[in-house]
Amino acid sequence: MRTSAAILAGAAGLTALGAGLMPATASAAALSPKAIAAQIVPANQLASFSQIISHESSWNVKATNPSSGAYGLAQALPGSKMASAGSDWRTNPRTQIKWALNYMNTRYGSPNAAWVFWQNHHWY
C-alpha cells in the first residue's frame, strides 16, 4: 500500500510534467532537441529558431555539411566554435541550442531577425 506522502509526491510529479517541467526522475537526455529548445528559446522567438534549425540540420545534433564542414543543429562553421557554450558541443543539443541562440541574438538581434535574413538569403 502506498503512503499518503508517496501519492502526493507522485501527484506533484504529474503536475510538474503537465506544466511542462521536467520531473526530478526524468533524464535530461530523454528530451528531444525541440523540447530542449522550447525550454531555452523565448516563446516569441521559438518558431523562427525552429525554422532555421529545421532548414539547417533537420534537428540532427551531428549533422555535418560535407562541403564546408559546418556542424550541428545550427551548422556552425567551424563547429568547434560551439565550445564557447560547453565542451560537450559535439553531442549535447542543449549546448548547441544555447550557442545558436547566442549567435542569432549577437549577429541578428534575435531568432526572428535571423529568420527574416535566412528567408532572403537561404543562409544565416
PDB file of N, CA and C in Angstrom:
ATOM      1  N   MET A   1       0.843  -1.171   0.000  1.00  0.00           N
ATOM      2  CA  MET A   1       0.000   0.000   0.000  1.00  0.00           C
ATOM      3  C   MET A   1       0.891   1.239   0.000  1.00  0.00           C
ATOM      4  N   ARG A   2       0.539   2.211  -0.826  1.00  0.00           N
ATOM      5  CA  ARG A   2       1.325   3.439  -0.924  1.00  0.00           C
ATOM      6  C   ARG A   2       0.938   4.382   0.196  1.00  0.00           C
ATOM      7  N   THR A   3       1.935   5.068   0.699  1.00  0.00           N
ATOM      8  CA  THR A   3       1.673   6.040   1.751  1.00  0.00           C
ATOM      9  C   THR A   3       1.116   7.318   1.143  1.00  0.00           C
ATOM     10  N   SER A   4       0.526   8.142   1.977  1.00  0.00           N
ATOM     11  CA  SER A   4      -0.001   9.425   1.503  1.00  0.00           C
ATOM     12  C   SER A   4       1.103  10.284   0.921  1.00  0.00           C
ATOM     13  N   ALA A   5       2.276  10.240   1.547  1.00  0.00           N
ATOM     14  CA  ALA A   5       3.406  11.032   1.060  1.00  0.00           C
ATOM     15  C   ALA A   5       3.804  10.580  -0.347  1.00  0.00           C
ATOM     16  N   ALA A   6       3.810   9.273  -0.583  1.00  0.00           N
ATOM     17  CA  ALA A   6       4.177   8.750  -1.897  1.00  0.00           C
ATOM     18  C   ALA A   6       3.142   9.151  -2.939  1.00  0.00           C
ATOM     19  N   ILE A   7       1.886   9.111  -2.575  1.00  0.00           N
ATOM     20  CA  ILE A   7       0.820   9.506  -3.502  1.00  0.00           C
ATOM     21  C   ILE A   7       0.938  10.985  -3.831  1.00  0.00           C
ATOM     22  N   LEU A   8       1.166  11.815  -2.795  1.00  0.00           N
ATOM     23  CA  LEU A   8       1.319  13.252  -3.029  1.00  0.00           C
ATOM     24  C   LEU A   8       2.548  13.548  -3.880  1.00  0.00           C
ATOM     25  N   ALA A   9       3.635  12.839  -3.639  1.00  0.00           N
ATOM     26  CA  ALA A   9       4.848  13.055  -4.424  1.00  0.00           C
ATOM     27  C   ALA A   9       4.601  12.685  -5.879  1.00  0.00           C
ATOM     28  N   GLY A  10       3.874  11.584  -6.102  1.00  0.00           N
ATOM     29  CA  GLY A  10       3.545  11.178  -7.466  1.00  0.00           C
ATOM     30  C   GLY A  10       2.666  12.204  -8.148  1.00  0.00           C
ATOM     31  N   ALA A  11       1.701  12.737  -7.433  1.00  0.00           N
ATOM     32  CA  ALA A  11       0.819  13.749  -7.993  1.00  0.00           C
ATOM     33  C   ALA A  11       1.604  15.023  -8.311  1.00  0.00           C
ATOM     34  N   ALA A  12       2.522  15.389  -7.451  1.00  0.00           N
ATOM     35  CA  ALA A  12       3.344  16.573  -7.701  1.00  0.00           C
ATOM     36  C   ALA A  12       4.173  16.383  -8.964  1.00  0.00           C
ATOM     37  N   GLY A  13       4.681  15.173  -9.156  1.00  0.00           N
ATOM     38  CA  GLY A  13       5.451  14.885 -10.363  1.00  0.00           C
ATOM     39  C   GLY A  13       4.598  15.002 -11.607  1.00  0.00           C
ATOM     40  N   LEU A  14       3.364  14.522 -11.545  1.00  0.00           N
ATOM     41  CA  LEU A  14       2.454  14.639 -12.680  1.00  0.00           C
ATOM     42  C   LEU A  14       2.093  16.090 -12.943  1.00  0.00           C
ATOM     43  N   THR A  15       1.881  16.861 -11.881  1.00  0.00           N
ATOM     44  CA  THR A  15       1.567  18.278 -12.036  1.00  0.00           C
ATOM     45  C   THR A  15       2.727  18.998 -12.701  1.00  0.00           C
ATOM     46  N   ALA A  16       3.948  18.701 -12.272  1.00  0.00           N
ATOM     47  CA  ALA A  16       5.122  19.333 -12.864  1.00  0.00           C
ATOM     48  C   ALA A  16       5.244  18.941 -14.333  1.00  0.00           C
ATOM     49  N   LEU A  17       4.988  17.686 -14.642  1.00  0.00           N
ATOM     50  CA  LEU A  17       5.074  17.223 -16.017  1.00  0.00           C
ATOM     51  C   LEU A  17       4.020  17.905 -16.869  1.00  0.00           C
ATOM     52  N   GLY A  18       2.816  18.024 -16.351  1.00  0.00           N
ATOM     53  CA  GLY A  18       1.739  18.680 -17.077  1.00  0.00           C
ATOM     54  C   GLY A  18       2.027  20.149 -17.305  1.00  0.00           C
ATOM     55  N   ALA A  19       2.773  20.765 -16.432  1.00  0.00           N
ATOM     56  CA  ALA A  19       3.108  22.183 -16.565  1.00  0.00           C
ATOM     57  C   ALA A  19       4.316  22.391 -17.468  1.00  0.00           C
ATOM     58  N   GLY A  20       4.849  21.293 -18.029  1.00  0.00           N
ATOM     59  CA  GLY A  20       5.994  21.426 -18.918  1.00  0.00           C
ATOM     60  C   GLY A  20       7.318  21.387 -18.188  1.00  0.00           C
ATOM     61  N   LEU A  21       7.299  21.080 -16.902  1.00  0.00           N
ATOM     62  CA  LEU A  21       8.535  20.982 -16.136  1.00  0.00           C
ATOM     63  C   LEU A  21       9.001  19.546 -16.141  1.00  0.00           C
ATOM     64  N   MET A  22      10.300  19.362 -16.035  1.00  0.00           N
ATOM     65  CA  MET A  22      10.847  18.024 -16.038  1.00  0.00           C
ATOM     66  C   MET A  22      10.858  17.477 -14.617  1.00  0.00           C
ATOM     67  N   PRO A  23      10.187  16.339 -14.363  1.00  0.00           N
ATOM     68  CA  PRO A  23      10.247  15.754 -13.029  1.00  0.00           C
ATOM     69  C   PRO A  23      11.677  15.356 -12.684  1.00  0.00           C
ATOM     70  N   ALA A  24      11.968  15.332 -11.405  1.00  0.00           N
ATOM     71  CA  ALA A  24      13.328  15.065 -10.932  1.00  0.00           C
ATOM     72  C   ALA A  24      13.830  13.709 -11.407  1.00  0.00           C
ATOM     73  N   THR A  25      12.941  12.761 -11.642  1.00  0.00           N
ATOM     74  CA  THR A  25      13.370  11.427 -12.029  1.00  0.00           C
ATOM     75  C   THR A  25      13.576  11.287 -13.534  1.00  0.00           C
ATOM     76  N   ALA A  26      13.144  12.256 -14.319  1.00  0.00           N
ATOM     77  CA  ALA A  26      13.301  12.159 -15.766  1.00  0.00           C
ATOM     78  C   ALA A  26      14.732  12.490 -16.157  1.00  0.00           C
ATOM     79  N   SER A  27      15.200  11.846 -17.191  1.00  0.00           N
ATOM     80  CA  SER A  27      16.553  12.095 -17.682  1.00  0.00           C
ATOM     81  C   SER A  27      16.541  13.228 -18.687  1.00  0.00           C
ATOM     82  N   ALA A  28      17.459  14.168 -18.548  1.00  0.00           N
ATOM     83  CA  ALA A  28      17.568  15.275 -19.490  1.00  0.00           C
ATOM     84  C   ALA A  28      17.878  14.747 -20.884  1.00  0.00           C
ATOM     85  N   ALA A  29      18.586  13.632 -20.960  1.00  0.00           N
ATOM     86  CA  ALA A  29      18.932  13.052 -22.245  1.00  0.00           C
ATOM     87  C   ALA A  29      17.697  12.546 -22.987  1.00  0.00           C
ATOM     88  N   ALA A  30      16.609  12.316 -22.269  1.00  0.00           N
ATOM     89  CA  ALA A  30      15.399  11.803 -22.889  1.00  0.00           C
ATOM     90  C   ALA A  30      14.643  12.889 -23.645  1.00  0.00           C
ATOM     91  N   LEU A  31      14.949  14.151 -23.399  1.00  0.00           N
ATOM     92  CA  LEU A  31      14.264  15.236 -24.090  1.00  0.00           C
ATOM     93  C   LEU A  31      14.788  15.374 -25.512  1.00  0.00           C
ATOM     94  N   SER A  32      13.883  15.641 -26.440  1.00  0.00           N
ATOM     95  CA  SER A  32      14.293  15.872 -27.818  1.00  0.00           C
ATOM     96  C   SER A  32      14.926  17.254 -27.926  1.00  0.00           C
ATOM     97  N   PRO A  33      15.736  17.478 -28.954  1.00  0.00           N
ATOM     98  CA  PRO A  33      16.288  18.821 -29.145  1.00  0.00           C
ATOM     99  C   PRO A  33      15.196  19.897 -29.241  1.00  0.00           C
ATOM    100  N   LYS A  34      14.070  19.580 -29.866  1.00  0.00           N
ATOM    101  CA  LYS A  34      12.972  20.555 -29.955  1.00  0.00           C
ATOM    102  C   LYS A  34      12.424  20.897 -28.576  1.00  0.00           C
ATOM    103  N   ALA A  35      12.303  19.887 -27.709  1.00  0.00           N
ATOM    104  CA  ALA A  35      11.805  20.130 -26.353  1.00  0.00           C
ATOM    105  C   ALA A  35      12.803  20.960 -25.551  1.00  0.00           C
ATOM    106  N   ILE A  36      14.071  20.706 -25.748  1.00  0.00           N
ATOM    107  CA  ILE A  36      15.107  21.492 -25.069  1.00  0.00           C
ATOM    108  C   ILE A  36      15.054  22.942 -25.549  1.00  0.00           C
ATOM    109  N   ALA A  37      14.908  23.128 -26.860  1.00  0.00           N
ATOM    110  CA  ALA A  37      14.816  24.488 -27.399  1.00  0.00           C
ATOM    111  C   ALA A  37      13.618  25.224 -26.802  1.00  0.00           C
ATOM    112  N   ALA A  38      12.518  24.527 -26.612  1.00  0.00           N
ATOM    113  CA  ALA A  38      11.324  25.157 -26.029  1.00  0.00           C
ATOM    114  C   ALA A  38      11.577  25.623 -24.601  1.00  0.00           C
ATOM    115  N   GLN A  39      12.533  25.003 -23.913  1.00  0.00           N
ATOM    116  CA  GLN A  39      12.900  25.422 -22.557  1.00  0.00           C
ATOM    117  C   GLN A  39      13.826  26.637 -22.567  1.00  0.00           C
ATOM    118  N   ILE A  40      14.611  26.804 -23.622  1.00  0.00           N
ATOM    119  CA  ILE A  40      15.675  27.805 -23.650  1.00  0.00           C
ATOM    120  C   ILE A  40      15.300  29.054 -24.455  1.00  0.00           C
ATOM    121  N   VAL A  41      14.718  28.859 -25.607  1.00  0.00           N
ATOM    122  CA  VAL A  41      14.432  29.961 -26.527  1.00  0.00           C
ATOM    123  C   VAL A  41      13.152  30.667 -26.083  1.00  0.00           C
ATOM    124  N   PRO A  42      13.155  31.997 -26.039  1.00  0.00           N
ATOM    125  CA  PRO A  42      11.932  32.716 -25.671  1.00  0.00           C
ATOM    126  C   PRO A  42      10.763  32.313 -26.585  1.00  0.00           C
ATOM    127  N   ALA A  43       9.589  32.184 -26.011  1.00  0.00           N
ATOM    128  CA  ALA A  43       8.420  31.697 -26.744  1.00  0.00           C
ATOM    129  C   ALA A  43       8.146  32.510 -28.007  1.00  0.00           C
ATOM    130  N   ASN A  44       8.350  33.814 -27.944  1.00  0.00           N
ATOM    131  CA  ASN A  44       8.061  34.650 -29.112  1.00  0.00           C
ATOM    132  C   ASN A  44       9.140  34.565 -30.186  1.00  0.00           C
ATOM    133  N   GLN A  45      10.191  33.794 -29.947  1.00  0.00           N
ATOM    134  CA  GLN A  45      11.278  33.602 -30.901  1.00  0.00           C
ATOM    135  C   GLN A  45      11.387  32.151 -31.365  1.00  0.00           C
ATOM    136  N   LEU A  46      10.652  31.264 -30.709  1.00  0.00           N
ATOM    137  CA  LEU A  46      10.820  29.823 -30.916  1.00  0.00           C
ATOM    138  C   LEU A  46      10.471  29.379 -32.331  1.00  0.00           C
ATOM    139  N   ALA A  47       9.412  29.898 -32.915  1.00  0.00           N
ATOM    140  CA  ALA A  47       9.024  29.470 -34.269  1.00  0.00           C
ATOM    141  C   ALA A  47      10.115  29.795 -35.272  1.00  0.00           C
ATOM    142  N   SER A  48      10.684  30.979 -35.173  1.00  0.00           N
ATOM    143  CA  SER A  48      11.765  31.362 -36.088  1.00  0.00           C
ATOM    144  C   SER A  48      13.011  30.523 -35.851  1.00  0.00           C
ATOM    145  N   PHE A  49      13.369  30.326 -34.584  1.00  0.00           N
ATOM    146  CA  PHE A  49      14.521  29.489 -34.234  1.00  0.00           C
ATOM    147  C   PHE A  49      14.328  28.097 -34.832  1.00  0.00           C
ATOM    148  N   SER A  50      13.133  27.553 -34.649  1.00  0.00           N
ATOM    149  CA  SER A  50      12.823  26.213 -35.142  1.00  0.00           C
ATOM    150  C   SER A  50      12.911  26.132 -36.665  1.00  0.00           C
ATOM    151  N   GLN A  51      12.439  27.150 -37.355  1.00  0.00           N
ATOM    152  CA  GLN A  51      12.520  27.167 -38.823  1.00  0.00           C
ATOM    153  C   GLN A  51      13.984  27.095 -39.285  1.00  0.00           C
ATOM    154  N   ILE A  52      14.818  27.900 -38.670  1.00  0.00           N
ATOM    155  CA  ILE A  52      16.229  27.915 -39.062  1.00  0.00           C
ATOM    156  C   ILE A  52      16.875  26.562 -38.813  1.00  0.00           C
ATOM    157  N   ILE A  53      16.683  26.025 -37.613  1.00  0.00           N
ATOM    158  CA  ILE A  53      17.303  24.737 -37.278  1.00  0.00           C
ATOM    159  C   ILE A  53      16.756  23.631 -38.173  1.00  0.00           C
ATOM    160  N   SER A  54      15.472  23.664 -38.454  1.00  0.00           N
ATOM    161  CA  SER A  54      14.881  22.659 -39.352  1.00  0.00           C
ATOM    162  C   SER A  54      15.531  22.697 -40.726  1.00  0.00           C
ATOM    163  N   HIS A  55      15.726  23.899 -41.263  1.00  0.00           N
ATOM    164  CA  HIS A  55      16.334  24.030 -42.582  1.00  0.00           C
ATOM    165  C   HIS A  55      17.826  23.692 -42.570  1.00  0.00           C
ATOM    166  N   GLU A  56      18.511  24.064 -41.517  1.00  0.00           N
ATOM    167  CA  GLU A  56      19.957  23.865 -41.462  1.00  0.00           C
ATOM    168  C   GLU A  56      20.360  22.417 -41.198  1.00  0.00           C
ATOM    169  N   SER A  57      19.659  21.749 -40.285  1.00  0.00           N
ATOM    170  CA  SER A  57      20.127  20.421 -39.856  1.00  0.00           C
ATOM    171  C   SER A  57      19.028  19.379 -39.675  1.00  0.00           C
ATOM    172  N   SER A  58      17.779  19.766 -39.896  1.00  0.00           N
ATOM    173  CA  SER A  58      16.647  18.859 -39.619  1.00  0.00           C
ATOM    174  C   SER A  58      16.672  18.367 -38.173  1.00  0.00           C
ATOM    175  N   TRP A  59      17.173  19.215 -37.271  1.00  0.00           N
ATOM    176  CA  TRP A  59      17.272  18.917 -35.832  1.00  0.00           C
ATOM    177  C   TRP A  59      18.215  17.749 -35.535  1.00  0.00           C
ATOM    178  N   ASN A  60      19.186  17.514 -36.406  1.00  0.00           N
ATOM    179  CA  ASN A  60      20.179  16.462 -36.208  1.00  0.00           C
ATOM    180  C   ASN A  60      21.407  17.075 -35.533  1.00  0.00           C
ATOM    181  N   VAL A  61      21.654  16.694 -34.289  1.00  0.00           N
ATOM    182  CA  VAL A  61      22.755  17.242 -33.499  1.00  0.00           C
ATOM    183  C   VAL A  61      24.108  16.989 -34.151  1.00  0.00           C
ATOM    184  N   LYS A  62      24.234  15.903 -34.892  1.00  0.00           N
ATOM    185  CA  LYS A  62      25.514  15.551 -35.507  1.00  0.00           C
ATOM    186  C   LYS A  62      25.548  15.842 -37.008  1.00  0.00           C
ATOM    187  N   ALA A  63      24.612  16.646 -37.497  1.00  0.00           N
ATOM    188  CA  ALA A  63      24.583  16.976 -38.928  1.00  0.00           C
ATOM    189  C   ALA A  63      25.899  17.633 -39.336  1.00  0.00           C
ATOM    190  N   THR A  64      26.453  17.165 -40.444  1.00  0.00           N
ATOM    191  CA  THR A  64      27.708  17.712 -40.952  1.00  0.00           C
ATOM    192  C   THR A  64      27.548  18.014 -42.431  1.00  0.00           C
ATOM    193  N   ASN A  65      27.913  19.213 -42.834  1.00  0.00           N
ATOM    194  CA  ASN A  65      27.895  19.591 -44.236  1.00  0.00           C
ATOM    195  C   ASN A  65      29.163  19.040 -44.875  1.00  0.00           C
ATOM    196  N   PRO A  66      29.028  18.141 -45.844  1.00  0.00           N
ATOM    197  CA  PRO A  66      30.226  17.526 -46.421  1.00  0.00           C
ATOM    198  C   PRO A  66      31.103  18.503 -47.194  1.00  0.00           C
ATOM    199  N   SER A  67      30.522  19.587 -47.673  1.00  0.00           N
ATOM    200  CA  SER A  67      31.306  20.564 -48.439  1.00  0.00           C
ATOM    201  C   SER A  67      32.090  21.511 -47.544  1.00  0.00           C
ATOM    202  N   SER A  68      31.384  22.085 -46.559  1.00  0.00           N
ATOM    203  CA  SER A  68      32.017  23.124 -45.735  1.00  0.00           C
ATOM    204  C   SER A  68      32.533  22.624 -44.402  1.00  0.00           C
ATOM    205  N   GLY A  69      31.957  21.519 -43.911  1.00  0.00           N
ATOM    206  CA  GLY A  69      32.311  21.029 -42.586  1.00  0.00           C
ATOM    207  C   GLY A  69      31.467  21.646 -41.486  1.00  0.00           C
ATOM    208  N   ALA A  70      30.485  22.503 -41.849  1.00  0.00           N
ATOM    209  CA  ALA A  70      29.587  23.074 -40.840  1.00  0.00           C
ATOM    210  C   ALA A  70      28.955  21.931 -40.053  1.00  0.00           C
ATOM    211  N   TYR A  71      28.734  22.160 -38.752  1.00  0.00           N
ATOM    212  CA  TYR A  71      28.370  21.054 -37.873  1.00  0.00           C
ATOM    213  C   TYR A  71      27.235  21.433 -36.933  1.00  0.00           C
ATOM    214  N   GLY A  72      26.422  20.439 -36.621  1.00  0.00           N
ATOM    215  CA  GLY A  72      25.436  20.543 -35.553  1.00  0.00           C
ATOM    216  C   GLY A  72      24.111  21.147 -35.973  1.00  0.00           C
ATOM    217  N   LEU A  73      23.277  21.375 -34.974  1.00  0.00           N
ATOM    218  CA  LEU A  73      21.934  21.893 -35.195  1.00  0.00           C
ATOM    219  C   LEU A  73      21.941  23.189 -35.980  1.00  0.00           C
ATOM    220  N   ALA A  74      22.826  24.094 -35.616  1.00  0.00           N
ATOM    221  CA  ALA A  74      22.867  25.427 -36.232  1.00  0.00           C
ATOM    222  C   ALA A  74      23.844  25.506 -37.389  1.00  0.00           C
ATOM    223  N   GLN A  75      24.537  24.409 -37.682  1.00  0.00           N
ATOM    224  CA  GLN A  75      25.539  24.369 -38.742  1.00  0.00           C
ATOM    225  C   GLN A  75      26.620  25.432 -38.531  1.00  0.00           C
ATOM    226  N   ALA A  76      27.210  25.385 -37.349  1.00  0.00           N
ATOM    227  CA  ALA A  76      28.309  26.288 -37.005  1.00  0.00           C
ATOM    228  C   ALA A  76      29.528  25.959 -37.860  1.00  0.00           C
ATOM    229  N   LEU A  77      30.240  26.995 -38.273  1.00  0.00           N
ATOM    230  CA  LEU A  77      31.422  26.814 -39.098  1.00  0.00           C
ATOM    231  C   LEU A  77      32.565  27.661 -38.553  1.00  0.00           C
ATOM    232  N   PRO A  78      33.609  27.083 -38.032  1.00  0.00           N
ATOM    233  CA  PRO A  78      33.746  25.654 -37.759  1.00  0.00           C
ATOM    234  C   PRO A  78      32.896  25.249 -36.550  1.00  0.00           C
ATOM    235  N   GLY A  79      32.572  23.995 -36.488  1.00  0.00           N
ATOM    236  CA  GLY A  79      31.755  23.500 -35.382  1.00  0.00           C
ATOM    237  C   GLY A  79      32.377  23.734 -34.026  1.00  0.00           C
ATOM    238  N   SER A  80      33.696  23.759 -33.987  1.00  0.00           N
ATOM    239  CA  SER A  80      34.404  23.914 -32.714  1.00  0.00           C
ATOM    240  C   SER A  80      34.111  25.239 -32.027  1.00  0.00           C
ATOM    241  N   LYS A  81      33.590  26.224 -32.744  1.00  0.00           N
ATOM    242  CA  LYS A  81      33.289  27.487 -32.069  1.00  0.00           C
ATOM    243  C   LYS A  81      32.160  27.321 -31.061  1.00  0.00           C
ATOM    244  N   MET A  82      31.391  26.229 -31.166  1.00  0.00           N
ATOM    245  CA  MET A  82      30.352  25.968 -30.168  1.00  0.00           C
ATOM    246  C   MET A  82      30.940  25.590 -28.815  1.00  0.00           C
ATOM    247  N   ALA A  83      32.232  25.331 -28.764  1.00  0.00           N
ATOM    248  CA  ALA A  83      32.888  25.029 -27.488  1.00  0.00           C
ATOM    249  C   ALA A  83      32.757  26.193 -26.518  1.00  0.00           C
ATOM    250  N   SER A  84      32.495  27.390 -27.026  1.00  0.00           N
ATOM    251  CA  SER A  84      32.297  28.537 -26.139  1.00  0.00           C
ATOM    252  C   SER A  84      31.051  28.362 -25.269  1.00  0.00           C
ATOM    253  N   ALA A  85      30.150  27.471 -25.674  1.00  0.00           N
ATOM    254  CA  ALA A  85      28.937  27.198 -24.890  1.00  0.00           C
ATOM    255  C   ALA A  85      29.071  25.942 -24.042  1.00  0.00           C
ATOM    256  N   GLY A  86      30.131  25.146 -24.282  1.00  0.00           N
ATOM    257  CA  GLY A  86      30.336  23.935 -23.489  1.00  0.00           C
ATOM    258  C   GLY A  86      31.240  22.953 -24.198  1.00  0.00           C
ATOM    259  N   SER A  87      31.993  22.211 -23.429  1.00  0.00           N
ATOM    260  CA  SER A  87      32.948  21.260 -24.001  1.00  0.00           C
ATOM    261  C   SER A  87      32.268  20.058 -24.646  1.00  0.00           C
ATOM    262  N   ASP A  88      30.981  19.878 -24.370  1.00  0.00           N
ATOM    263  CA  ASP A  88      30.227  18.755 -24.923  1.00  0.00           C
ATOM    264  C   ASP A  88      29.481  19.139 -26.203  1.00  0.00           C
ATOM    265  N   TRP A  89      29.954  20.169 -26.892  1.00  0.00           N
ATOM    266  CA  TRP A  89      29.278  20.737 -28.052  1.00  0.00           C
ATOM    267  C   TRP A  89      29.042  19.740 -29.170  1.00  0.00           C
ATOM    268  N   ARG A  90      29.851  18.713 -29.287  1.00  0.00           N
ATOM    269  CA  ARG A  90      29.698  17.747 -30.388  1.00  0.00           C
ATOM    270  C   ARG A  90      28.427  16.921 -30.294  1.00  0.00           C
ATOM    271  N   THR A  91      27.951  16.686 -29.078  1.00  0.00           N
ATOM    272  CA  THR A  91      26.840  15.741 -28.904  1.00  0.00           C
ATOM    273  C   THR A  91      25.675  16.263 -28.065  1.00  0.00           C
ATOM    274  N   ASN A  92      25.834  17.385 -27.392  1.00  0.00           N
ATOM    275  CA  ASN A  92      24.797  17.855 -26.476  1.00  0.00           C
ATOM    276  C   ASN A  92      23.903  18.901 -27.154  1.00  0.00           C
ATOM    277  N   PRO A  93      22.633  18.553 -27.384  1.00  0.00           N
ATOM    278  CA  PRO A  93      21.748  19.525 -28.033  1.00  0.00           C
ATOM    279  C   PRO A  93      21.550  20.790 -27.207  1.00  0.00           C
ATOM    280  N   ARG A  94      21.558  20.682 -25.886  1.00  0.00           N
ATOM    281  CA  ARG A  94      21.389  21.863 -25.037  1.00  0.00           C
ATOM    282  C   ARG A  94      22.528  22.869 -25.271  1.00  0.00           C
ATOM    283  N   THR A  95      23.742  22.370 -25.340  1.00  0.00           N
ATOM    284  CA  THR A  95      24.898  23.224 -25.589  1.00  0.00           C
ATOM    285  C   THR A  95      24.790  23.876 -26.962  1.00  0.00           C
ATOM    286  N   GLN A  96      24.423  23.095 -27.966  1.00  0.00           N
ATOM    287  CA  GLN A  96      24.300  23.631 -29.320  1.00  0.00           C
ATOM    288  C   GLN A  96      23.182  24.668 -29.412  1.00  0.00           C
ATOM    289  N   ILE A  97      22.082  24.439 -28.725  1.00  0.00           N
ATOM    290  CA  ILE A  97      20.960  25.385 -28.743  1.00  0.00           C
ATOM    291  C   ILE A  97      21.351  26.682 -28.051  1.00  0.00           C
ATOM    292  N   LYS A  98      22.034  26.582 -26.924  1.00  0.00           N
ATOM    293  CA  LYS A  98      22.498  27.795 -26.237  1.00  0.00           C
ATOM    294  C   LYS A  98      23.425  28.590 -27.139  1.00  0.00           C
ATOM    295  N   TRP A  99      24.338  27.905 -27.816  1.00  0.00           N
ATOM    296  CA  TRP A  99      25.254  28.595 -28.715  1.00  0.00           C
ATOM    297  C   TRP A  99      24.488  29.250 -29.867  1.00  0.00           C
ATOM    298  N   ALA A 100      23.569  28.495 -30.469  1.00  0.00           N
ATOM    299  CA  ALA A 100      22.819  29.014 -31.621  1.00  0.00           C
ATOM    300  C   ALA A 100      21.986  30.232 -31.238  1.00  0.00           C
ATOM    301  N   LEU A 101      21.340  30.191 -30.083  1.00  0.00           N
ATOM    302  CA  LEU A 101      20.540  31.332 -29.642  1.00  0.00           C
ATOM    303  C   LEU A 101      21.432  32.551 -29.431  1.00  0.00           C
ATOM    304  N   ASN A 102      22.571  32.355 -28.807  1.00  0.00           N
ATOM    305  CA  ASN A 102      23.504  33.462 -28.608  1.00  0.00           C
ATOM    306  C   ASN A 102      23.992  34.009 -29.955  1.00  0.00           C
ATOM    307  N   TYR A 103      24.302  33.124 -30.881  1.00  0.00           N
ATOM    308  CA  TYR A 103      24.749  33.542 -32.212  1.00  0.00           C
ATOM    309  C   TYR A 103      23.670  34.387 -32.898  1.00  0.00           C
ATOM    310  N   MET A 104      22.439  33.909 -32.893  1.00  0.00           N
ATOM    311  CA  MET A 104      21.355  34.637 -33.547  1.00  0.00           C
ATOM    312  C   MET A 104      21.108  35.990 -32.884  1.00  0.00           C
ATOM    313  N   ASN A 105      21.174  36.012 -31.562  1.00  0.00           N
ATOM    314  CA  ASN A 105      20.981  37.276 -30.839  1.00  0.00           C
ATOM    315  C   ASN A 105      22.118  38.258 -31.108  1.00  0.00           C
ATOM    316  N   THR A 106      23.345  37.754 -31.123  1.00  0.00           N
ATOM    317  CA  THR A 106      24.509  38.614 -31.313  1.00  0.00           C
ATOM    318  C   THR A 106      24.608  39.125 -32.747  1.00  0.00           C
ATOM    319  N   ARG A 107      24.418  38.246 -33.703  1.00  0.00           N
ATOM    320  CA  ARG A 107      24.610  38.626 -35.107  1.00  0.00           C
ATOM    321  C   ARG A 107      23.407  39.359 -35.709  1.00  0.00           C
ATOM    322  N   TYR A 108      22.186  38.932 -35.326  1.00  0.00           N
ATOM    323  CA  TYR A 108      20.985  39.473 -35.972  1.00  0.00           C
ATOM    324  C   TYR A 108      20.061  40.237 -35.025  1.00  0.00           C
ATOM    325  N   GLY A 109      20.265  40.090 -33.751  1.00  0.00           N
ATOM    326  CA  GLY A 109      19.408  40.743 -32.772  1.00  0.00           C
ATOM    327  C   GLY A 109      18.387  39.815 -32.158  1.00  0.00           C
ATOM    328  N   SER A 110      18.021  38.756 -32.879  1.00  0.00           N
ATOM    329  CA  SER A 110      17.039  37.788 -32.377  1.00  0.00           C
ATOM    330  C   SER A 110      16.890  36.658 -33.396  1.00  0.00           C
ATOM    331  N   PRO A 111      16.326  35.538 -32.973  1.00  0.00           N
ATOM    332  CA  PRO A 111      15.989  34.489 -33.949  1.00  0.00           C
ATOM    333  C   PRO A 111      14.981  34.977 -34.994  1.00  0.00           C
ATOM    334  N   ASN A 112      14.038  35.834 -34.608  1.00  0.00           N
ATOM    335  CA  ASN A 112      13.078  36.350 -35.586  1.00  0.00           C
ATOM    336  C   ASN A 112      13.797  37.111 -36.696  1.00  0.00           C
ATOM    337  N   ALA A 113      14.745  37.960 -36.331  1.00  0.00           N
ATOM    338  CA  ALA A 113      15.504  38.715 -37.334  1.00  0.00           C
ATOM    339  C   ALA A 113      16.400  37.783 -38.150  1.00  0.00           C
ATOM    340  N   ALA A 114      16.961  36.764 -37.508  1.00  0.00           N
ATOM    341  CA  ALA A 114      17.787  35.793 -38.228  1.00  0.00           C
ATOM    342  C   ALA A 114      16.946  35.041 -39.259  1.00  0.00           C
ATOM    343  N   TRP A 115      15.701  34.730 -38.917  1.00  0.00           N
ATOM    344  CA  TRP A 115      14.822  34.020 -39.841  1.00  0.00           C
ATOM    345  C   TRP A 115      14.467  34.896 -41.043  1.00  0.00           C
ATOM    346  N   VAL A 116      14.240  36.184 -40.820  1.00  0.00           N
ATOM    347  CA  VAL A 116      13.982  37.100 -41.935  1.00  0.00           C
ATOM    348  C   VAL A 116      15.182  37.095 -42.883  1.00  0.00           C
ATOM    349  N   PHE A 117      16.390  37.169 -42.322  1.00  0.00           N
ATOM    350  CA  PHE A 117      17.606  37.127 -43.129  1.00  0.00           C
ATOM    351  C   PHE A 117      17.685  35.804 -43.881  1.00  0.00           C
ATOM    352  N   TRP A 118      17.429  34.700 -43.185  1.00  0.00           N
ATOM    353  CA  TRP A 118      17.506  33.366 -43.809  1.00  0.00           C
ATOM    354  C   TRP A 118      16.548  33.268 -44.993  1.00  0.00           C
ATOM    355  N   GLN A 119      15.346  33.777 -44.826  1.00  0.00           N
ATOM    356  CA  GLN A 119      14.356  33.699 -45.908  1.00  0.00           C
ATOM    357  C   GLN A 119      14.810  34.464 -47.155  1.00  0.00           C
ATOM    358  N   ASN A 120      15.546  35.528 -46.953  1.00  0.00           N
ATOM    359  CA  ASN A 120      16.024  36.327 -48.083  1.00  0.00           C
ATOM    360  C   ASN A 120      17.285  35.754 -48.728  1.00  0.00           C
ATOM    361  N   HIS A 121      18.109  35.048 -47.940  1.00  0.00           N
ATOM    362  CA  HIS A 121      19.420  34.608 -48.434  1.00  0.00           C
ATOM    363  C   HIS A 121      19.601  33.085 -48.454  1.00  0.00           C
ATOM    364  N   HIS A 122      18.731  32.359 -47.775  1.00  0.00           N
ATOM    365  CA  HIS A 122      18.826  30.894 -47.647  1.00  0.00           C
ATOM    366  C   HIS A 122      20.090  30.448 -46.924  1.00  0.00           C
ATOM    367  N   TRP A 123      20.592  31.306 -46.092  1.00  0.00           N
ATOM    368  CA  TRP A 123      21.668  31.014 -45.143  1.00  0.00           C
ATOM    369  C   TRP A 123      21.583  32.120 -44.084  1.00  0.00           C
ATOM    370  N   TYR A 124      22.304  31.943 -43.002  1.00  0.00           N
ATOM    371  CA  TYR A 124      22.321  32.981 -41.967  1.00  0.00           C
ATOM    372  C   TYR A 124      23.672  33.057 -41.312  1.00  0.00           C
TER     373      TYR A 124
END
